[in-house]
PDB file of N, CA and C in Angstrom:
ATOM      1  N   UNK A   1     -27.686 -17.706 -18.091  1.00  0.00           N
ATOM      2  CA  UNK A   1     -27.974 -18.908 -18.463  1.00  0.00           C
ATOM      3  C   UNK A   1     -29.113 -19.490 -17.783  1.00  0.00           C
ATOM      4  N   UNK A   2     -29.898 -20.436 -18.373  1.00  0.00           N
ATOM      5  CA  UNK A   2     -31.192 -20.903 -17.886  1.00  0.00           C
ATOM      6  C   UNK A   2     -30.771 -22.268 -17.462  1.00  0.00           C
ATOM      7  N   UNK A   3     -31.151 -22.780 -16.380  1.00  0.00           N
ATOM      8  CA  UNK A   3     -30.999 -24.044 -15.896  1.00  0.00           C
ATOM      9  C   UNK A   3     -32.489 -24.612 -15.653  1.00  0.00           C
ATOM     10  N   UNK A   4     -32.523 -26.036 -15.537  1.00  0.00           N
ATOM     11  CA  UNK A   4     -33.759 -26.757 -15.405  1.00  0.00           C
ATOM     12  C   UNK A   4     -34.299 -26.550 -13.845  1.00  0.00           C
ATOM     13  N   UNK A   5     -33.372 -26.391 -12.860  1.00  0.00           N
ATOM     14  CA  UNK A   5     -33.681 -26.212 -11.634  1.00  0.00           C
ATOM     15  C   UNK A   5     -32.507 -25.282 -10.851  1.00  0.00           C
ATOM     16  N   UNK A   6     -32.926 -24.730  -9.768  1.00  0.00           N
ATOM     17  CA  UNK A   6     -31.894 -24.031  -9.052  1.00  0.00           C
ATOM     18  C   UNK A   6     -30.818 -24.949  -8.446  1.00  0.00           C
ATOM     19  N   UNK A   7     -31.070 -26.262  -8.224  1.00  0.00           N
ATOM     20  CA  UNK A   7     -30.282 -27.223  -7.735  1.00  0.00           C
ATOM     21  C   UNK A   7     -29.038 -27.357  -8.760  1.00  0.00           C
ATOM     22  N   UNK A   8     -29.397 -27.510  -9.980  1.00  0.00           N
ATOM     23  CA  UNK A   8     -28.426 -27.648 -11.096  1.00  0.00           C
ATOM     24  C   UNK A   8     -27.382 -26.405 -11.188  1.00  0.00           C
ATOM     25  N   UNK A   9     -28.073 -25.198 -10.938  1.00  0.00           N
ATOM     26  CA  UNK A   9     -27.236 -24.087 -10.921  1.00  0.00           C
ATOM     27  C   UNK A   9     -26.213 -24.247  -9.718  1.00  0.00           C
ATOM     28  N   UNK A  10     -26.810 -24.471  -8.554  1.00  0.00           N
ATOM     29  CA  UNK A  10     -25.923 -24.480  -7.260  1.00  0.00           C
ATOM     30  C   UNK A  10     -24.920 -25.431  -7.274  1.00  0.00           C
ATOM     31  N   UNK A  11     -25.113 -26.730  -8.034  1.00  0.00           N
ATOM     32  CA  UNK A  11     -24.439 -27.731  -7.883  1.00  0.00           C
ATOM     33  C   UNK A  11     -23.183 -27.336  -8.923  1.00  0.00           C
ATOM     34  N   UNK A  12     -23.213 -26.549  -9.895  1.00  0.00           N
ATOM     35  CA  UNK A  12     -22.260 -26.374 -10.999  1.00  0.00           C
ATOM     36  C   UNK A  12     -21.669 -25.030 -10.644  1.00  0.00           C
ATOM     37  N   UNK A  13     -22.155 -23.971  -9.865  1.00  0.00           N
ATOM     38  CA  UNK A  13     -21.441 -22.813  -9.560  1.00  0.00           C
ATOM     39  C   UNK A  13     -21.234 -22.422  -8.155  1.00  0.00           C
ATOM     40  N   UNK A  14     -21.492 -23.277  -7.350  1.00  0.00           N
ATOM     41  CA  UNK A  14     -21.205 -23.069  -5.989  1.00  0.00           C
ATOM     42  C   UNK A  14     -20.524 -24.036  -5.307  1.00  0.00           C
ATOM     43  N   UNK A  15     -19.816 -23.606  -4.350  1.00  0.00           N
ATOM     44  CA  UNK A  15     -19.073 -24.662  -3.567  1.00  0.00           C
ATOM     45  C   UNK A  15     -20.174 -25.619  -2.732  1.00  0.00           C
ATOM     46  N   UNK A  16     -19.554 -26.557  -2.190  1.00  0.00           N
ATOM     47  CA  UNK A  16     -20.586 -27.507  -1.213  1.00  0.00           C
ATOM     48  C   UNK A  16     -20.773 -26.933   0.102  1.00  0.00           C
ATOM     49  N   UNK A  17     -19.950 -26.015   0.397  1.00  0.00           N
ATOM     50  CA  UNK A  17     -20.030 -25.295   1.608  1.00  0.00           C
ATOM     51  C   UNK A  17     -20.651 -24.015   1.494  1.00  0.00           C
ATOM     52  N   UNK A  18     -22.141 -23.910   1.890  1.00  0.00           N
ATOM     53  CA  UNK A  18     -22.916 -22.838   1.511  1.00  0.00           C
ATOM     54  C   UNK A  18     -22.922 -22.065   3.116  1.00  0.00           C
ATOM     55  N   UNK A  19     -22.393 -20.926   3.100  1.00  0.00           N
ATOM     56  CA  UNK A  19     -22.614 -20.058   4.556  1.00  0.00           C
ATOM     57  C   UNK A  19     -23.807 -19.479   4.648  1.00  0.00           C
ATOM     58  N   UNK A  20     -24.084 -18.871   5.835  1.00  0.00           N
ATOM     59  CA  UNK A  20     -25.444 -18.363   6.236  1.00  0.00           C
ATOM     60  C   UNK A  20     -25.745 -17.355   5.130  1.00  0.00           C
ATOM     61  N   UNK A  21     -24.712 -16.494   4.788  1.00  0.00           N
ATOM     62  CA  UNK A  21     -25.141 -15.475   3.808  1.00  0.00           C
ATOM     63  C   UNK A  21     -25.442 -15.814   2.674  1.00  0.00           C
ATOM     64  N   UNK A  22     -24.890 -16.860   2.071  1.00  0.00           N
ATOM     65  CA  UNK A  22     -25.172 -17.380   0.843  1.00  0.00           C
ATOM     66  C   UNK A  22     -26.694 -17.846   0.777  1.00  0.00           C
ATOM     67  N   UNK A  23     -27.091 -18.641   1.853  1.00  0.00           N
ATOM     68  CA  UNK A  23     -28.424 -19.092   1.974  1.00  0.00           C
ATOM     69  C   UNK A  23     -29.417 -18.048   2.080  1.00  0.00           C
ATOM     70  N   UNK A  24     -29.131 -16.858   2.667  1.00  0.00           N
ATOM     71  CA  UNK A  24     -30.098 -15.759   2.795  1.00  0.00           C
ATOM     72  C   UNK A  24     -30.222 -15.020   1.533  1.00  0.00           C
ATOM     73  N   UNK A  25     -29.093 -15.059   0.671  1.00  0.00           N
ATOM     74  CA  UNK A  25     -29.243 -14.525  -0.831  1.00  0.00           C
ATOM     75  C   UNK A  25     -29.880 -15.326  -1.655  1.00  0.00           C
ATOM     76  N   UNK A  26     -29.645 -16.755  -1.622  1.00  0.00           N
ATOM     77  CA  UNK A  26     -30.379 -17.584  -2.560  1.00  0.00           C
ATOM     78  C   UNK A  26     -31.970 -17.500  -2.088  1.00  0.00           C
ATOM     79  N   UNK A  27     -32.434 -17.426  -0.874  1.00  0.00           N
ATOM     80  CA  UNK A  27     -33.796 -17.358  -0.501  1.00  0.00           C
ATOM     81  C   UNK A  27     -34.325 -15.733  -0.806  1.00  0.00           C
ATOM     82  N   UNK A  28     -33.507 -15.067  -1.376  1.00  0.00           N
ATOM     83  CA  UNK A  28     -33.999 -13.398  -1.686  1.00  0.00           C
ATOM     84  C   UNK A  28     -34.148 -12.490  -0.630  1.00  0.00           C
ATOM     85  N   UNK A  29     -33.352 -12.759   0.234  1.00  0.00           N
ATOM     86  CA  UNK A  29     -33.164 -11.928   1.763  1.00  0.00           C
ATOM     87  C   UNK A  29     -32.043 -11.153   1.347  1.00  0.00           C
ATOM     88  N   UNK A  30     -31.997 -10.020   2.228  1.00  0.00           N
ATOM     89  CA  UNK A  30     -30.803  -9.186   2.184  1.00  0.00           C
ATOM     90  C   UNK A  30     -29.848  -9.955   3.062  1.00  0.00           C
ATOM     91  N   UNK A  31     -28.546  -9.566   2.631  1.00  0.00           N
ATOM     92  CA  UNK A  31     -27.401 -10.340   3.210  1.00  0.00           C
ATOM     93  C   UNK A  31     -27.303  -9.645   4.765  1.00  0.00           C
ATOM     94  N   UNK A  32     -26.558 -10.488   5.622  1.00  0.00           N
ATOM     95  CA  UNK A  32     -26.635 -10.237   7.109  1.00  0.00           C
ATOM     96  C   UNK A  32     -25.307  -9.284   7.178  1.00  0.00           C
ATOM     97  N   UNK A  33     -25.280  -7.809   6.980  1.00  0.00           N
ATOM     98  CA  UNK A  33     -24.117  -7.171   6.872  1.00  0.00           C
ATOM     99  C   UNK A  33     -23.333  -7.273   8.251  1.00  0.00           C
ATOM    100  N   UNK A  34     -23.982  -7.277   9.309  1.00  0.00           N
ATOM    101  CA  UNK A  34     -23.311  -7.289  10.645  1.00  0.00           C
ATOM    102  C   UNK A  34     -22.578  -8.571  10.669  1.00  0.00           C
ATOM    103  N   UNK A  35     -22.871  -9.814  10.305  1.00  0.00           N
ATOM    104  CA  UNK A  35     -22.302 -10.955  10.289  1.00  0.00           C
ATOM    105  C   UNK A  35     -21.165 -10.798   9.541  1.00  0.00           C
ATOM    106  N   UNK A  36     -21.252 -10.204   8.224  1.00  0.00           N
ATOM    107  CA  UNK A  36     -20.251 -10.077   7.271  1.00  0.00           C
ATOM    108  C   UNK A  36     -19.078  -9.188   7.930  1.00  0.00           C
ATOM    109  N   UNK A  37     -19.526  -8.007   8.423  1.00  0.00           N
ATOM    110  CA  UNK A  37     -18.581  -7.221   9.037  1.00  0.00           C
ATOM    111  C   UNK A  37     -17.594  -7.996  10.290  1.00  0.00           C
ATOM    112  N   UNK A  38     -18.438  -8.799  11.065  1.00  0.00           N
ATOM    113  CA  UNK A  38     -17.718  -9.432  12.230  1.00  0.00           C
ATOM    114  C   UNK A  38     -16.806 -10.295  11.623  1.00  0.00           C
ATOM    115  N   UNK A  39     -17.094 -11.252  10.518  1.00  0.00           N
ATOM    116  CA  UNK A  39     -16.253 -12.214  10.058  1.00  0.00           C
ATOM    117  C   UNK A  39     -14.926 -11.150   9.483  1.00  0.00           C
ATOM    118  N   UNK A  40     -15.075 -10.099   8.691  1.00  0.00           N
ATOM    119  CA  UNK A  40     -14.038  -9.326   8.253  1.00  0.00           C
ATOM    120  C   UNK A  40     -13.241  -8.913   9.364  1.00  0.00           C
ATOM    121  N   UNK A  41     -13.780  -8.583  10.533  1.00  0.00           N
ATOM    122  CA  UNK A  41     -13.020  -8.118  11.554  1.00  0.00           C
ATOM    123  C   UNK A  41     -12.090  -9.172  12.110  1.00  0.00           C
ATOM    124  N   UNK A  42     -12.378 -10.522  12.144  1.00  0.00           N
ATOM    125  CA  UNK A  42     -11.704 -11.411  12.640  1.00  0.00           C
ATOM    126  C   UNK A  42     -10.378 -11.833  11.774  1.00  0.00           C
ATOM    127  N   UNK A  43     -10.581 -11.688  10.301  1.00  0.00           N
ATOM    128  CA  UNK A  43      -9.445 -11.753   9.383  1.00  0.00           C
ATOM    129  C   UNK A  43      -8.297 -10.566   9.500  1.00  0.00           C
ATOM    130  N   UNK A  44      -8.908  -9.355  10.120  1.00  0.00           N
ATOM    131  CA  UNK A  44      -8.037  -8.185  10.487  1.00  0.00           C
ATOM    132  C   UNK A  44      -7.532  -8.485  11.881  1.00  0.00           C
ATOM    133  N   UNK A  45      -7.648  -9.466  12.775  1.00  0.00           N
ATOM    134  CA  UNK A  45      -7.534  -9.546  14.178  1.00  0.00           C
ATOM    135  C   UNK A  45      -5.891  -9.542  14.128  1.00  0.00           C
ATOM    136  N   UNK A  46      -5.369  -8.780  15.029  1.00  0.00           N
ATOM    137  CA  UNK A  46      -3.810  -8.846  15.316  1.00  0.00           C
ATOM    138  C   UNK A  46      -3.218 -10.289  15.675  1.00  0.00           C
ATOM    139  N   UNK A  47      -3.916 -11.093  16.305  1.00  0.00           N
ATOM    140  CA  UNK A  47      -3.400 -12.438  16.431  1.00  0.00           C
ATOM    141  C   UNK A  47      -3.439 -13.236  15.111  1.00  0.00           C
ATOM    142  N   UNK A  48      -4.315 -13.157  14.245  1.00  0.00           N
ATOM    143  CA  UNK A  48      -4.470 -13.955  12.967  1.00  0.00           C
ATOM    144  C   UNK A  48      -3.314 -13.184  12.085  1.00  0.00           C
ATOM    145  N   UNK A  49      -3.356 -11.899  12.055  1.00  0.00           N
ATOM    146  CA  UNK A  49      -2.245 -11.227  11.369  1.00  0.00           C
ATOM    147  C   UNK A  49      -1.007 -11.792  11.725  1.00  0.00           C
ATOM    148  N   UNK A  50      -0.708 -11.859  12.776  1.00  0.00           N
ATOM    149  CA  UNK A  50       0.706 -12.259  13.418  1.00  0.00           C
ATOM    150  C   UNK A  50       0.960 -13.622  12.872  1.00  0.00           C
ATOM    151  N   UNK A  51       0.093 -14.460  13.065  1.00  0.00           N
ATOM    152  CA  UNK A  51       0.188 -15.939  12.498  1.00  0.00           C
ATOM    153  C   UNK A  51       0.595 -16.166  11.196  1.00  0.00           C
ATOM    154  N   UNK A  52      -0.369 -15.171  10.505  1.00  0.00           N
ATOM    155  CA  UNK A  52       0.028 -15.307   8.861  1.00  0.00           C
ATOM    156  C   UNK A  52       1.200 -14.635   8.596  1.00  0.00           C
ATOM    157  N   UNK A  53       1.496 -13.752   9.390  1.00  0.00           N
ATOM    158  CA  UNK A  53       3.175 -13.124   9.111  1.00  0.00           C
ATOM    159  C   UNK A  53       4.168 -14.002   9.366  1.00  0.00           C
ATOM    160  N   UNK A  54       4.094 -14.836  10.344  1.00  0.00           N
ATOM    161  CA  UNK A  54       5.072 -15.776  10.791  1.00  0.00           C
ATOM    162  C   UNK A  54       5.038 -16.881   9.528  1.00  0.00           C
ATOM    163  N   UNK A  55       3.848 -17.340   9.103  1.00  0.00           N
ATOM    164  CA  UNK A  55       3.905 -18.283   8.116  1.00  0.00           C
ATOM    165  C   UNK A  55       4.392 -17.847   6.823  1.00  0.00           C
ATOM    166  N   UNK A  56       4.323 -16.708   6.328  1.00  0.00           N
ATOM    167  CA  UNK A  56       4.626 -16.031   5.301  1.00  0.00           C
ATOM    168  C   UNK A  56       6.124 -15.958   5.279  1.00  0.00           C
ATOM    169  N   UNK A  57       6.754 -15.397   6.464  1.00  0.00           N
ATOM    170  CA  UNK A  57       8.061 -15.414   6.748  1.00  0.00           C
ATOM    171  C   UNK A  57       8.897 -16.894   6.363  1.00  0.00           C
ATOM    172  N   UNK A  58       8.235 -17.787   7.062  1.00  0.00           N
ATOM    173  CA  UNK A  58       8.732 -19.170   7.034  1.00  0.00           C
ATOM    174  C   UNK A  58       8.923 -19.575   5.476  1.00  0.00           C
ATOM    175  N   UNK A  59       7.613 -19.335   4.818  1.00  0.00           N
ATOM    176  CA  UNK A  59       7.581 -19.828   3.415  1.00  0.00           C
ATOM    177  C   UNK A  59       8.628 -19.110   2.678  1.00  0.00           C
ATOM    178  N   UNK A  60       8.859 -17.733   2.752  1.00  0.00           N
ATOM    179  CA  UNK A  60      10.065 -16.969   2.086  1.00  0.00           C
ATOM    180  C   UNK A  60      11.210 -17.430   2.357  1.00  0.00           C
ATOM    181  N   UNK A  61      11.493 -17.796   3.626  1.00  0.00           N
ATOM    182  CA  UNK A  61      12.891 -18.390   4.045  1.00  0.00           C
ATOM    183  C   UNK A  61      13.145 -19.772   3.427  1.00  0.00           C
ATOM    184  N   UNK A  62      11.898 -20.570   3.419  1.00  0.00           N
ATOM    185  CA  UNK A  62      12.044 -21.929   2.470  1.00  0.00           C
ATOM    186  C   UNK A  62      12.420 -21.756   1.134  1.00  0.00           C
ATOM    187  N   UNK A  63      11.621 -20.761   0.613  1.00  0.00           N
ATOM    188  CA  UNK A  63      11.858 -20.557  -0.966  1.00  0.00           C
ATOM    189  C   UNK A  63      13.290 -20.211  -1.271  1.00  0.00           C
ATOM    190  N   UNK A  64      13.676 -19.120  -0.274  1.00  0.00           N
ATOM    191  CA  UNK A  64      15.389 -18.883  -0.381  1.00  0.00           C
ATOM    192  C   UNK A  64      16.301 -19.746  -0.156  1.00  0.00           C
ATOM    193  N   UNK A  65      16.034 -20.683   0.712  1.00  0.00           N
ATOM    194  CA  UNK A  65      17.153 -21.697   1.173  1.00  0.00           C
ATOM    195  C   UNK A  65      16.663 -23.177   0.675  1.00  0.00           C
ATOM    196  N   UNK A  66      15.319 -23.518   0.467  1.00  0.00           N
ATOM    197  CA  UNK A  66      15.095 -24.839   0.231  1.00  0.00           C
ATOM    198  C   UNK A  66      15.636 -25.711   1.105  1.00  0.00           C
ATOM    199  N   UNK A  67      15.572 -25.485   2.470  1.00  0.00           N
ATOM    200  CA  UNK A  67      16.066 -26.593   3.453  1.00  0.00           C
ATOM    201  C   UNK A  67      14.751 -27.419   3.820  1.00  0.00           C
ATOM    202  N   UNK A  68      14.915 -28.627   3.726  1.00  0.00           N
ATOM    203  CA  UNK A  68      13.865 -29.465   4.030  1.00  0.00           C
ATOM    204  C   UNK A  68      13.361 -29.535   5.476  1.00  0.00           C
ATOM    205  N   UNK A  69      14.233 -29.095   6.293  1.00  0.00           N
ATOM    206  CA  UNK A  69      13.926 -29.051   7.586  1.00  0.00           C
ATOM    207  C   UNK A  69      12.877 -27.919   8.084  1.00  0.00           C
ATOM    208  N   UNK A  70      12.721 -26.950   7.163  1.00  0.00           N
ATOM    209  CA  UNK A  70      11.713 -25.939   7.382  1.00  0.00           C
ATOM    210  C   UNK A  70      10.243 -26.523   7.144  1.00  0.00           C
ATOM    211  N   UNK A  71      10.014 -27.505   6.353  1.00  0.00           N
ATOM    212  CA  UNK A  71       8.791 -27.906   6.228  1.00  0.00           C
ATOM    213  C   UNK A  71       7.849 -28.287   7.270  1.00  0.00           C
ATOM    214  N   UNK A  72       8.556 -28.890   8.328  1.00  0.00           N
ATOM    215  CA  UNK A  72       7.583 -29.260   9.524  1.00  0.00           C
ATOM    216  C   UNK A  72       7.266 -27.927  10.151  1.00  0.00           C
ATOM    217  N   UNK A  73       7.934 -27.078  10.121  1.00  0.00           N
ATOM    218  CA  UNK A  73       7.937 -25.758  10.684  1.00  0.00           C
ATOM    219  C   UNK A  73       6.626 -25.041  10.108  1.00  0.00           C
ATOM    220  N   UNK A  74       6.814 -25.065   8.648  1.00  0.00           N
ATOM    221  CA  UNK A  74       5.558 -24.468   7.695  1.00  0.00           C
ATOM    222  C   UNK A  74       4.378 -25.205   8.058  1.00  0.00           C
ATOM    223  N   UNK A  75       4.419 -26.448   8.085  1.00  0.00           N
ATOM    224  CA  UNK A  75       3.004 -27.107   8.492  1.00  0.00           C
ATOM    225  C   UNK A  75       2.628 -26.715   9.732  1.00  0.00           C
ATOM    226  N   UNK A  76       3.278 -26.561  10.644  1.00  0.00           N
ATOM    227  CA  UNK A  76       2.866 -26.201  12.009  1.00  0.00           C
ATOM    228  C   UNK A  76       2.364 -24.939  12.315  1.00  0.00           C
ATOM    229  N   UNK A  77       3.087 -23.933  11.174  1.00  0.00           N
ATOM    230  CA  UNK A  77       2.599 -22.591  11.309  1.00  0.00           C
ATOM    231  C   UNK A  77       1.091 -22.502  10.344  1.00  0.00           C
ATOM    232  N   UNK A  78       0.907 -23.346   9.550  1.00  0.00           N
ATOM    233  CA  UNK A  78      -0.449 -23.430   8.796  1.00  0.00           C
ATOM    234  C   UNK A  78      -1.328 -23.965   9.731  1.00  0.00           C
ATOM    235  N   UNK A  79      -1.028 -24.791  10.424  1.00  0.00           N
ATOM    236  CA  UNK A  79      -1.829 -25.551  11.540  1.00  0.00           C
ATOM    237  C   UNK A  79      -2.357 -24.236  12.521  1.00  0.00           C
ATOM    238  N   UNK A  80      -1.481 -23.447  12.968  1.00  0.00           N
ATOM    239  CA  UNK A  80      -1.564 -22.585  13.836  1.00  0.00           C
ATOM    240  C   UNK A  80      -2.268 -21.389  13.271  1.00  0.00           C
ATOM    241  N   UNK A  81      -2.362 -21.031  12.002  1.00  0.00           N
ATOM    242  CA  UNK A  81      -3.362 -20.005  11.405  1.00  0.00           C
ATOM    243  C   UNK A  81      -4.648 -20.642  11.475  1.00  0.00           C
ATOM    244  N   UNK A  82      -4.716 -21.835  11.001  1.00  0.00           N
ATOM    245  CA  UNK A  82      -6.121 -22.400  11.034  1.00  0.00           C
ATOM    246  C   UNK A  82      -6.724 -22.443  12.343  1.00  0.00           C
ATOM    247  N   UNK A  83      -6.021 -22.880  13.270  1.00  0.00           N
ATOM    248  CA  UNK A  83      -6.630 -22.896  14.793  1.00  0.00           C
ATOM    249  C   UNK A  83      -6.868 -21.535  15.242  1.00  0.00           C
ATOM    250  N   UNK A  84      -5.923 -20.691  15.154  1.00  0.00           N
ATOM    251  CA  UNK A  84      -6.237 -19.321  15.387  1.00  0.00           C
ATOM    252  C   UNK A  84      -7.654 -18.666  14.854  1.00  0.00           C
ATOM    253  N   UNK A  85      -7.739 -18.902  13.666  1.00  0.00           N
ATOM    254  CA  UNK A  85      -8.934 -18.510  13.012  1.00  0.00           C
ATOM    255  C   UNK A  85     -10.208 -19.233  13.643  1.00  0.00           C
ATOM    256  N   UNK A  86     -10.127 -20.364  13.710  1.00  0.00           N
ATOM    257  CA  UNK A  86     -11.216 -21.255  14.433  1.00  0.00           C
ATOM    258  C   UNK A  86     -11.442 -20.809  15.716  1.00  0.00           C
ATOM    259  N   UNK A  87     -10.491 -20.454  16.590  1.00  0.00           N
ATOM    260  CA  UNK A  87     -10.662 -19.989  18.006  1.00  0.00           C
ATOM    261  C   UNK A  87     -11.325 -18.742  17.961  1.00  0.00           C
ATOM    262  N   UNK A  88     -10.875 -17.720  17.115  1.00  0.00           N
ATOM    263  CA  UNK A  88     -11.543 -16.450  16.981  1.00  0.00           C
ATOM    264  C   UNK A  88     -12.946 -16.522  16.572  1.00  0.00           C
ATOM    265  N   UNK A  89     -13.292 -17.408  15.454  1.00  0.00           N
ATOM    266  CA  UNK A  89     -14.582 -17.721  15.070  1.00  0.00           C
ATOM    267  C   UNK A  89     -15.505 -18.232  16.256  1.00  0.00           C
ATOM    268  N   UNK A  90     -14.956 -19.265  17.123  1.00  0.00           N
ATOM    269  CA  UNK A  90     -15.690 -19.756  18.169  1.00  0.00           C
ATOM    270  C   UNK A  90     -16.015 -18.656  19.386  1.00  0.00           C
ATOM    271  N   UNK A  91     -15.055 -17.820  19.472  1.00  0.00           N
ATOM    272  CA  UNK A  91     -15.273 -16.718  20.550  1.00  0.00           C
ATOM    273  C   UNK A  91     -16.430 -15.685  19.815  1.00  0.00           C
ATOM    274  N   UNK A  92     -16.294 -15.446  18.553  1.00  0.00           N
ATOM    275  CA  UNK A  92     -17.273 -14.469  18.092  1.00  0.00           C
ATOM    276  C   UNK A  92     -18.535 -15.186  18.156  1.00  0.00           C
ATOM    277  N   UNK A  93     -18.809 -16.409  17.973  1.00  0.00           N
ATOM    278  CA  UNK A  93     -20.115 -17.160  17.992  1.00  0.00           C
ATOM    279  C   UNK A  93     -20.631 -17.119  19.406  1.00  0.00           C
ATOM    280  N   UNK A  94     -19.654 -17.413  20.575  1.00  0.00           N
ATOM    281  CA  UNK A  94     -20.070 -17.376  21.895  1.00  0.00           C
ATOM    282  C   UNK A  94     -20.611 -15.743  22.205  1.00  0.00           C
ATOM    283  N   UNK A  95     -19.721 -14.992  21.711  1.00  0.00           N
ATOM    284  CA  UNK A  95     -20.313 -13.522  22.051  1.00  0.00           C
ATOM    285  C   UNK A  95     -21.679 -13.332  21.581  1.00  0.00           C
ATOM    286  N   UNK A  96     -21.663 -13.586  20.292  1.00  0.00           N
ATOM    287  CA  UNK A  96     -23.313 -13.443  19.654  1.00  0.00           C
ATOM    288  C   UNK A  96     -24.416 -14.190  20.311  1.00  0.00           C
ATOM    289  N   UNK A  97     -24.097 -15.350  20.673  1.00  0.00           N
ATOM    290  CA  UNK A  97     -24.993 -16.200  21.430  1.00  0.00           C
ATOM    291  C   UNK A  97     -25.377 -15.422  22.765  1.00  0.00           C
ATOM    292  N   UNK A  98     -24.435 -15.050  23.416  1.00  0.00           N
ATOM    293  CA  UNK A  98     -24.300 -14.182  24.695  1.00  0.00           C
ATOM    294  C   UNK A  98     -25.289 -13.196  24.671  1.00  0.00           C
ATOM    295  N   UNK A  99     -24.934 -12.318  23.723  1.00  0.00           N
ATOM    296  CA  UNK A  99     -25.913 -11.106  23.359  1.00  0.00           C
ATOM    297  C   UNK A  99     -27.137 -11.274  23.094  1.00  0.00           C
ATOM    298  N   UNK A 100     -27.367 -12.351  22.313  1.00  0.00           N
ATOM    299  CA  UNK A 100     -28.875 -12.971  21.713  1.00  0.00           C
ATOM    300  C   UNK A 100     -29.516 -13.423  23.016  1.00  0.00           C
ATOM    301  N   UNK A 101     -29.063 -14.163  23.988  1.00  0.00           N
ATOM    302  CA  UNK A 101     -29.549 -14.557  25.122  1.00  0.00           C
ATOM    303  C   UNK A 101     -29.987 -13.357  26.162  1.00  0.00           C
ATOM    304  N   UNK A 102     -29.145 -12.501  26.094  1.00  0.00           N
ATOM    305  CA  UNK A 102     -29.402 -11.193  26.906  1.00  0.00           C
ATOM    306  C   UNK A 102     -30.444 -10.499  26.579  1.00  0.00           C
ATOM    307  N   UNK A 103     -30.759 -10.458  25.204  1.00  0.00           N
ATOM    308  CA  UNK A 103     -31.877  -9.603  24.637  1.00  0.00           C
ATOM    309  C   UNK A 103     -33.282 -10.042  25.123  1.00  0.00           C
TER     310      UNK A 103
END
Protein backbone atom coordinates (compact mmCIF):
# COMPACT_ATOMS: atom_id res chain seq x y z
CA UNK A 1 0.00 0.00 0.00
CA UNK A 2 1.14 3.50 -0.72
CA UNK A 3 0.59 6.33 1.72
CA UNK A 4 1.00 10.06 1.32
CA UNK A 5 3.54 10.09 4.12
CA UNK A 6 5.28 7.82 6.58
CA UNK A 7 3.29 9.50 9.37
CA UNK A 8 0.01 8.22 7.90
CA UNK A 9 1.41 4.69 7.76
CA UNK A 10 2.62 4.84 11.35
CA UNK A 11 -0.63 6.30 12.66
CA UNK A 12 -2.69 3.52 11.12
CA UNK A 13 -0.45 0.49 11.53
CA UNK A 14 1.64 0.97 14.65
CA UNK A 15 0.81 1.50 18.26
CA UNK A 16 1.43 4.82 19.94
CA UNK A 17 4.24 3.27 21.93
CA UNK A 18 7.24 2.99 19.65
CA UNK A 19 10.14 1.22 21.29
CA UNK A 20 13.82 1.73 20.54
CA UNK A 21 14.00 -1.13 18.11
CA UNK A 22 11.05 0.10 16.05
CA UNK A 23 12.72 3.50 15.77
CA UNK A 24 15.90 1.88 14.44
CA UNK A 25 13.94 -0.14 11.88
CA UNK A 26 11.96 2.91 10.71
CA UNK A 27 15.23 4.81 10.26
CA UNK A 28 16.62 1.98 8.15
CA UNK A 29 19.12 0.74 10.73
CA UNK A 30 19.67 -2.83 11.83
CA UNK A 31 17.69 -3.83 14.93
CA UNK A 32 19.57 -3.92 18.23
CA UNK A 33 19.86 -7.67 18.66
CA UNK A 34 21.52 -7.46 22.07
CA UNK A 35 18.69 -5.33 23.44
CA UNK A 36 16.10 -7.72 22.03
CA UNK A 37 17.87 -10.69 23.63
CA UNK A 38 18.10 -8.91 26.98
CA UNK A 39 14.37 -8.12 26.97
CA UNK A 40 13.58 -11.72 26.02
CA UNK A 41 15.72 -12.90 28.94
CA UNK A 42 13.58 -10.83 31.28
CA UNK A 43 10.42 -12.53 30.05
CA UNK A 44 12.05 -15.89 30.85
CA UNK A 45 13.32 -14.77 34.27
CA UNK A 46 12.35 -17.22 37.07
CA UNK A 47 10.79 -14.48 39.24
CA UNK A 48 8.55 -13.31 36.43
CA UNK A 49 7.63 -16.86 35.46
CA UNK A 50 6.71 -17.61 39.07
CA UNK A 51 4.52 -14.50 39.29
CA UNK A 52 2.77 -15.40 36.02
CA UNK A 53 2.27 -18.98 37.23
CA UNK A 54 0.61 -17.75 40.44
CA UNK A 55 -1.65 -15.48 38.40
CA UNK A 56 -2.55 -18.29 36.02
CA UNK A 57 -3.39 -20.60 38.93
CA UNK A 58 -5.59 -17.95 40.54
CA UNK A 59 -7.43 -17.34 37.26
CA UNK A 60 -7.96 -21.07 36.77
CA UNK A 61 -9.28 -21.39 40.32
CA UNK A 62 -11.64 -18.45 39.72
CA UNK A 63 -12.92 -19.98 36.47
CA UNK A 64 -13.62 -23.27 38.26
CA UNK A 65 -15.27 -21.83 41.38
CA UNK A 66 -16.38 -18.33 40.28
CA UNK A 67 -15.90 -17.05 43.83
CA UNK A 68 -15.96 -13.27 43.82
CA UNK A 69 -13.50 -13.28 46.71
CA UNK A 70 -10.76 -14.32 44.30
CA UNK A 71 -11.06 -11.16 42.18
CA UNK A 72 -9.01 -8.94 44.54
CA UNK A 73 -6.35 -11.65 44.68
CA UNK A 74 -6.24 -11.82 40.88
CA UNK A 75 -5.91 -8.03 40.68
CA UNK A 76 -3.10 -8.11 43.24
CA UNK A 77 -1.30 -10.84 41.30
CA UNK A 78 -1.71 -8.92 38.01
CA UNK A 79 -0.11 -5.92 39.70
CA UNK A 80 2.66 -8.16 41.04
CA UNK A 81 3.44 -9.44 37.51
CA UNK A 82 3.50 -5.87 36.19
CA UNK A 83 5.72 -4.66 39.05
CA UNK A 84 8.10 -7.62 38.74
CA UNK A 85 8.55 -6.98 35.02
CA UNK A 86 9.14 -3.26 35.66
CA UNK A 87 11.66 -4.01 38.42
CA UNK A 88 13.58 -6.43 36.20
CA UNK A 89 13.61 -3.88 33.35
CA UNK A 90 14.90 -1.18 35.72
CA UNK A 91 17.66 -3.53 36.86
CA UNK A 92 18.56 -4.25 33.23
CA UNK A 93 18.69 -0.53 32.38
CA UNK A 94 20.86 0.11 35.44
CA UNK A 95 23.22 -2.69 34.43
CA UNK A 96 23.46 -1.44 30.84
CA UNK A 97 24.14 2.13 31.99
CA UNK A 98 26.78 0.94 34.44
CA UNK A 99 28.51 -1.14 31.76
CA UNK A 100 28.34 1.79 29.34
CA UNK A 101 29.86 4.16 31.90
CA UNK A 102 32.71 1.73 32.56
CA UNK A 103 33.65 1.55 28.88
